[in-house]
Amino acid sequence: MRNIRLIARLDVKAPNLVKGIQLEGLRKLGDPNEFARRYYEQGIDEIFYADIVASLYERNSLLDIIENTSKDIFVPVTVGGGLRTIDDVAAALRAGADKVSINTAAIKNPKIISEIAHRFGSQCMVLSIQGKRIGDHWEAYYDNGREHSHLDAIEWAKKGEELGAGEIMLTSVDQEGTARGFDSELTKAITDIVNIPVIASGGMGKLDDINEIVKEGNADAVAMAHVLHYGHYTVSEIRDYCINEGLPVRKVRNMLNGVSQ
């Protein structure tokens, strides 16, 4: 079984790290670089930055944050929000990002998925899907969960893979920020139909939520925000839980105490 990746998700409304419920009601939490550094020292596998108002204002304001992060944080960094062109993607990668997450631009111009994969490699192209239940199906939303795409989220995931996406960041709009657990049903519907890694995001409130989303939703990675930002758990505690539950995770050295985990 592949290692389950533990990812810290940092939603940014420049210059602040913010957190809301169902992608609304944002609360300022502080300097995103300080939070990222803390999680890196605790042994996080990856960092995911999202400029959550970038699409609204048609720009990405994370380049300075990414440059600062890349100076002393040496795990993969993904950046999303407001990346609309190949030049935008190139600028993010030059700033120090390893991968880019595309949502709005891909919905409006699906060819950009193939263009990014062709130029930079599919491993760089993360398709961001914000899924929200509408009746008996899930619709893909964009602009931080504000706008309907009228695309079926499951079908869109498969189409994204066919176009060259190397990974999917799947956020449940319904669960995001609620601490009620991940959306295992939505996640499994997508992992059943694609052959690329799926990151589950939105809803983690307790440690058992990881066990459920991995075993029931077949998630390849979990993105966490609320439980980390508010100090409910450290990355080390989350990793220890996974090991005790028999979930395969990367062994790391906690930089704060030098102990291998």
Protein backbone atom coordinates (compact mmCIF):
# COMPACT_ATOMS: atom_id res chain seq x y z
CA MET A 1 0.00 0.00 0.00
CA ARG A 2 1.29 3.47 -0.90
CA ASN A 3 2.25 5.94 1.81
CA ILE A 4 -0.54 8.30 2.84
CA ARG A 5 0.69 11.88 2.54
CA LEU A 6 -0.06 14.41 5.27
CA ILE A 7 -0.55 17.87 3.76
CA ALA A 8 -0.98 21.20 5.51
CA ARG A 9 -3.44 23.40 3.66
CA LEU A 10 -2.97 27.14 4.12
CA ASP A 11 -5.69 29.38 2.68
CA VAL A 12 -4.38 32.89 2.23
CA LYS A 13 -6.01 36.26 1.79
CA ALA A 14 -2.81 38.22 1.48
CA PRO A 15 -0.93 38.75 3.61
CA ASN A 16 -2.77 36.63 6.18
CA LEU A 17 -3.52 32.98 6.72
CA VAL A 18 -7.30 32.70 7.03
CA LYS A 19 -9.86 30.02 7.86
CA GLY A 20 -13.60 29.86 7.38
CA ILE A 21 -16.53 27.47 7.31
CA GLN A 22 -17.71 26.10 3.97
CA LEU A 23 -15.25 28.55 2.36
CA GLU A 24 -17.00 31.57 3.90
CA GLY A 25 -16.78 33.70 7.07
CA LEU A 26 -13.00 34.05 6.95
CA ARG A 27 -11.00 34.66 10.11
CA LYS A 28 -7.43 36.01 10.10
CA LEU A 29 -4.95 33.71 11.83
CA GLY A 30 -1.52 35.21 11.18
CA ASP A 31 1.59 34.97 9.01
CA PRO A 32 1.29 31.97 6.66
CA ASN A 33 5.07 31.53 6.49
CA GLU A 34 5.24 31.10 10.27
CA PHE A 35 2.56 28.42 10.19
CA ALA A 36 4.24 26.65 7.27
CA ARG A 37 7.57 26.67 9.08
CA ARG A 38 5.97 25.17 12.20
CA TYR A 39 4.40 22.34 10.23
CA TYR A 40 7.64 21.67 8.37
CA GLU A 41 9.53 21.39 11.67
CA GLN A 42 6.88 18.94 12.90
CA GLY A 43 7.38 16.75 9.82
CA ILE A 44 4.61 17.62 7.37
CA ASP A 45 4.91 15.89 3.99
CA GLU A 46 3.72 18.79 1.81
CA ILE A 47 2.48 22.36 1.98
CA PHE A 48 -0.53 23.54 -0.04
CA TYR A 49 -1.07 27.29 -0.43
CA ALA A 50 -4.32 28.64 -1.86
CA ASP A 51 -4.97 32.30 -2.60
CA ILE A 52 -8.69 32.13 -1.92
CA VAL A 53 -9.62 35.50 -3.44
CA ALA A 54 -7.26 35.38 -6.40
CA SER A 55 -9.87 34.25 -8.93
CA LEU A 56 -12.22 37.00 -7.80
CA TYR A 57 -9.58 39.66 -8.46
CA GLU A 58 -7.88 37.79 -11.32
CA ARG A 59 -4.46 37.71 -9.74
CA ASN A 60 -2.29 35.58 -7.47
CA SER A 61 -0.61 37.32 -4.54
CA LEU A 62 1.32 34.34 -3.20
CA LEU A 63 4.60 34.69 -5.09
CA ASP A 64 6.39 36.51 -2.26
CA ILE A 65 5.07 34.00 0.27
CA ILE A 66 6.23 31.09 -1.91
CA GLU A 67 9.69 32.66 -2.33
CA ASN A 68 10.04 33.02 1.43
CA THR A 69 8.79 29.50 2.05
CA SER A 70 11.18 27.92 -0.44
CA LYS A 71 14.20 29.42 1.34
CA ASP A 72 13.99 27.16 4.37
CA ILE A 73 11.18 24.64 3.84
CA PHE A 74 12.24 21.59 1.87
CA VAL A 75 9.09 19.61 1.20
CA PRO A 76 6.92 19.86 -1.93
CA VAL A 77 4.90 23.08 -2.13
CA THR A 78 1.74 23.47 -4.21
CA VAL A 79 0.22 26.84 -5.01
CA GLY A 80 -3.26 27.58 -6.31
CA GLY A 81 -5.55 30.51 -6.94
CA GLY A 82 -5.57 32.97 -9.80
CA LEU A 83 -3.27 30.99 -12.09
CA ARG A 84 -4.88 31.52 -15.48
CA THR A 85 -2.08 31.25 -18.04
CA ILE A 86 1.09 29.29 -18.73
CA ASP A 87 3.05 32.41 -17.79
CA ASP A 88 1.28 32.50 -14.40
CA VAL A 89 2.25 28.88 -13.82
CA ALA A 90 5.85 29.50 -14.85
CA ALA A 91 6.06 32.44 -12.44
CA ALA A 92 4.77 30.29 -9.56
CA LEU A 93 7.30 27.57 -10.31
CA ARG A 94 10.13 30.11 -10.57
CA ALA A 95 9.10 31.45 -7.16
CA GLY A 96 9.69 28.00 -5.68
CA ALA A 97 6.45 26.03 -6.06
CA ASP A 98 6.77 22.38 -7.06
CA LYS A 99 3.18 22.00 -8.27
CA VAL A 100 0.28 24.22 -9.26
CA SER A 101 -3.37 23.72 -8.47
CA ILE A 102 -5.84 24.84 -11.14
CA ASN A 103 -9.61 25.17 -10.73
CA THR A 104 -11.29 28.23 -12.28
CA ALA A 105 -8.96 28.41 -15.27
CA ALA A 106 -9.44 24.71 -16.01
CA ILE A 107 -13.23 24.94 -15.87
CA LYS A 108 -13.23 27.92 -18.24
CA ASN A 109 -10.50 26.53 -20.50
CA PRO A 110 -9.96 22.77 -20.04
CA LYS A 111 -7.11 22.79 -22.57
CA ILE A 112 -4.90 24.53 -20.03
CA ILE A 113 -4.63 21.21 -18.16
CA SER A 114 -2.98 19.61 -21.18
CA GLU A 115 -0.83 22.67 -21.83
CA ILE A 116 0.54 22.66 -18.27
CA ALA A 117 1.10 18.89 -18.28
CA HIS A 118 2.87 19.05 -21.65
CA ARG A 119 5.18 21.91 -20.72
CA PHE A 120 5.94 21.17 -17.07
CA GLY A 121 4.95 17.51 -16.61
CA SER A 122 1.74 15.97 -15.35
CA GLN A 123 3.24 15.65 -11.86
CA CYS A 124 3.11 19.44 -11.70
CA MET A 125 -0.55 19.74 -12.71
CA VAL A 126 -2.98 19.37 -9.79
CA LEU A 127 -6.65 19.67 -10.70
CA SER A 128 -8.53 21.36 -7.88
CA ILE A 129 -12.16 20.27 -7.59
CA GLN A 130 -14.53 21.94 -5.14
CA GLY A 131 -17.41 19.47 -4.94
CA LYS A 132 -20.81 20.34 -3.51
CA ARG A 133 -23.79 18.02 -3.27
CA ILE A 134 -26.72 19.15 -5.39
CA GLY A 135 -29.59 16.69 -5.05
CA ASP A 136 -28.34 13.24 -6.01
CA HIS A 137 -24.97 14.30 -7.44
CA TRP A 138 -21.98 16.56 -6.81
CA GLU A 139 -21.32 19.67 -8.82
CA ALA A 140 -17.88 21.21 -9.34
CA TYR A 141 -17.74 24.79 -8.05
CA TYR A 142 -15.14 27.50 -8.57
CA ASP A 143 -14.15 30.94 -7.26
CA ASN A 144 -13.68 29.45 -3.79
CA GLY A 145 -17.04 27.70 -3.82
CA ARG A 146 -19.01 30.74 -4.94
CA GLU A 147 -19.80 29.88 -8.55
CA HIS A 148 -21.61 26.99 -10.23
CA SER A 149 -19.80 25.30 -13.11
CA HIS A 150 -22.77 23.03 -13.98
CA LEU A 151 -20.18 20.25 -14.35
CA ASP A 152 -20.69 16.92 -12.63
CA ALA A 153 -17.72 16.66 -10.23
CA ILE A 154 -17.18 12.94 -10.90
CA GLU A 155 -17.23 13.33 -14.67
CA TRP A 156 -14.99 16.39 -14.41
CA ALA A 157 -12.42 14.44 -12.39
CA LYS A 158 -12.24 11.77 -15.10
CA LYS A 159 -12.01 14.39 -17.85
CA GLY A 160 -9.22 16.15 -15.95
CA GLU A 161 -7.23 12.93 -15.76
CA GLU A 162 -7.71 12.34 -19.48
CA LEU A 163 -6.44 15.86 -20.21
CA GLY A 164 -3.25 15.27 -18.24
CA ALA A 165 -3.80 16.14 -14.58
CA GLY A 166 -1.40 14.19 -12.39
CA GLU A 167 -3.31 14.61 -9.15
CA ILE A 168 -6.63 15.87 -7.79
CA MET A 169 -7.13 18.16 -4.80
CA LEU A 170 -10.70 17.34 -3.82
CA THR A 171 -12.39 19.78 -1.44
CA SER A 172 -15.85 19.08 -0.10
CA VAL A 173 -17.58 22.45 0.07
CA ASP A 174 -20.21 20.91 2.33
CA GLN A 175 -17.67 19.69 4.88
CA GLU A 176 -15.00 22.41 4.63
CA GLY A 177 -14.33 24.02 8.02
CA THR A 178 -17.09 22.12 9.80
CA ALA A 179 -14.82 19.62 11.62
CA ARG A 180 -17.47 16.95 10.92
CA GLY A 181 -15.16 14.69 8.94
CA PHE A 182 -14.22 14.30 5.28
CA ASP A 183 -16.78 13.44 2.61
CA SER A 184 -15.98 9.76 2.15
CA GLU A 185 -18.82 9.20 -0.31
CA LEU A 186 -17.67 11.93 -2.68
CA THR A 187 -14.03 10.90 -2.34
CA LYS A 188 -14.72 7.23 -3.08
CA ALA A 189 -16.86 8.14 -6.09
CA ILE A 190 -13.82 9.89 -7.55
CA THR A 191 -11.10 7.45 -6.47
CA ASP A 192 -13.17 4.67 -8.03
CA ILE A 193 -13.10 6.35 -11.44
CA VAL A 194 -9.59 7.82 -11.71
CA ASN A 195 -6.12 6.29 -11.57
CA ILE A 196 -4.28 9.35 -10.28
CA PRO A 197 -3.78 10.31 -6.62
CA VAL A 198 -6.67 12.04 -4.88
CA ILE A 199 -6.11 14.39 -1.93
CA ALA A 200 -9.10 14.61 0.42
CA SER A 201 -9.68 18.08 1.83
CA GLY A 202 -12.36 19.67 3.95
CA GLY A 203 -13.85 18.60 7.25
CA MET A 204 -11.21 16.96 9.43
CA GLY A 205 -12.07 17.39 13.10
CA LYS A 206 -10.67 14.32 14.82
CA LEU A 207 -7.94 11.76 14.19
CA ASP A 208 -10.35 8.97 13.29
CA ASP A 209 -11.44 11.02 10.28
CA ILE A 210 -8.13 10.12 8.62
CA ASN A 211 -8.71 6.41 9.12
CA GLU A 212 -12.19 6.70 7.63
CA ILE A 213 -11.24 8.71 4.54
CA VAL A 214 -8.30 6.41 3.74
CA LYS A 215 -10.13 3.13 4.31
CA GLU A 216 -13.59 4.11 3.07
CA GLY A 217 -12.76 6.86 0.59
CA ASN A 218 -9.46 5.38 -0.66
CA ALA A 219 -7.79 8.78 -0.39
CA ASP A 220 -4.10 8.92 -1.25
CA ALA A 221 -3.46 11.98 0.92
CA VAL A 222 -5.24 14.19 3.42
CA ALA A 223 -5.13 17.98 3.49
CA MET A 224 -5.60 19.48 6.95
CA ALA A 225 -6.21 23.04 8.03
CA HIS A 226 -8.51 23.62 11.02
CA VAL A 227 -7.00 20.93 13.28
CA LEU A 228 -3.48 22.23 12.66
CA HIS A 229 -4.08 25.98 12.63
CA TYR A 230 -6.03 25.94 15.91
CA GLY A 231 -3.55 23.60 17.58
CA HIS A 232 -5.89 20.66 18.11
CA TYR A 233 -3.13 18.28 16.97
CA THR A 234 0.49 18.55 15.93
CA VAL A 235 1.73 16.89 12.77
CA SER A 236 3.72 14.51 14.98
CA GLU A 237 0.58 13.45 16.85
CA ILE A 238 -1.26 12.88 13.60
CA ARG A 239 1.60 10.80 12.21
CA ASP A 240 1.80 8.73 15.39
CA TYR A 241 -1.93 8.06 15.16
CA CYS A 242 -1.56 6.84 11.58
CA ILE A 243 1.28 4.51 12.52
CA ASN A 244 -0.70 3.09 15.45
CA GLU A 245 -3.69 2.49 13.15
CA GLY A 246 -1.53 0.69 10.61
CA LEU A 247 -1.78 3.44 8.00
CA PRO A 248 1.44 3.69 5.98
CA VAL A 249 3.04 7.11 6.34
CA ARG A 250 6.50 8.49 5.67
CA LYS A 251 8.97 8.16 8.52
CA VAL A 252 10.45 11.55 9.30
CA ARG A 253 12.77 13.20 11.75
CA ASN A 254 11.05 15.77 13.93
CA MET A 255 13.29 18.81 13.56
CA LEU A 256 12.37 20.12 16.99
CA ASN A 257 13.72 17.16 18.95
CA GLY A 258 15.70 15.11 16.43
CA VAL A 259 13.64 11.98 17.03
CA SER A 260 12.82 9.76 14.06
CA GLN A 261 9.15 8.89 13.64
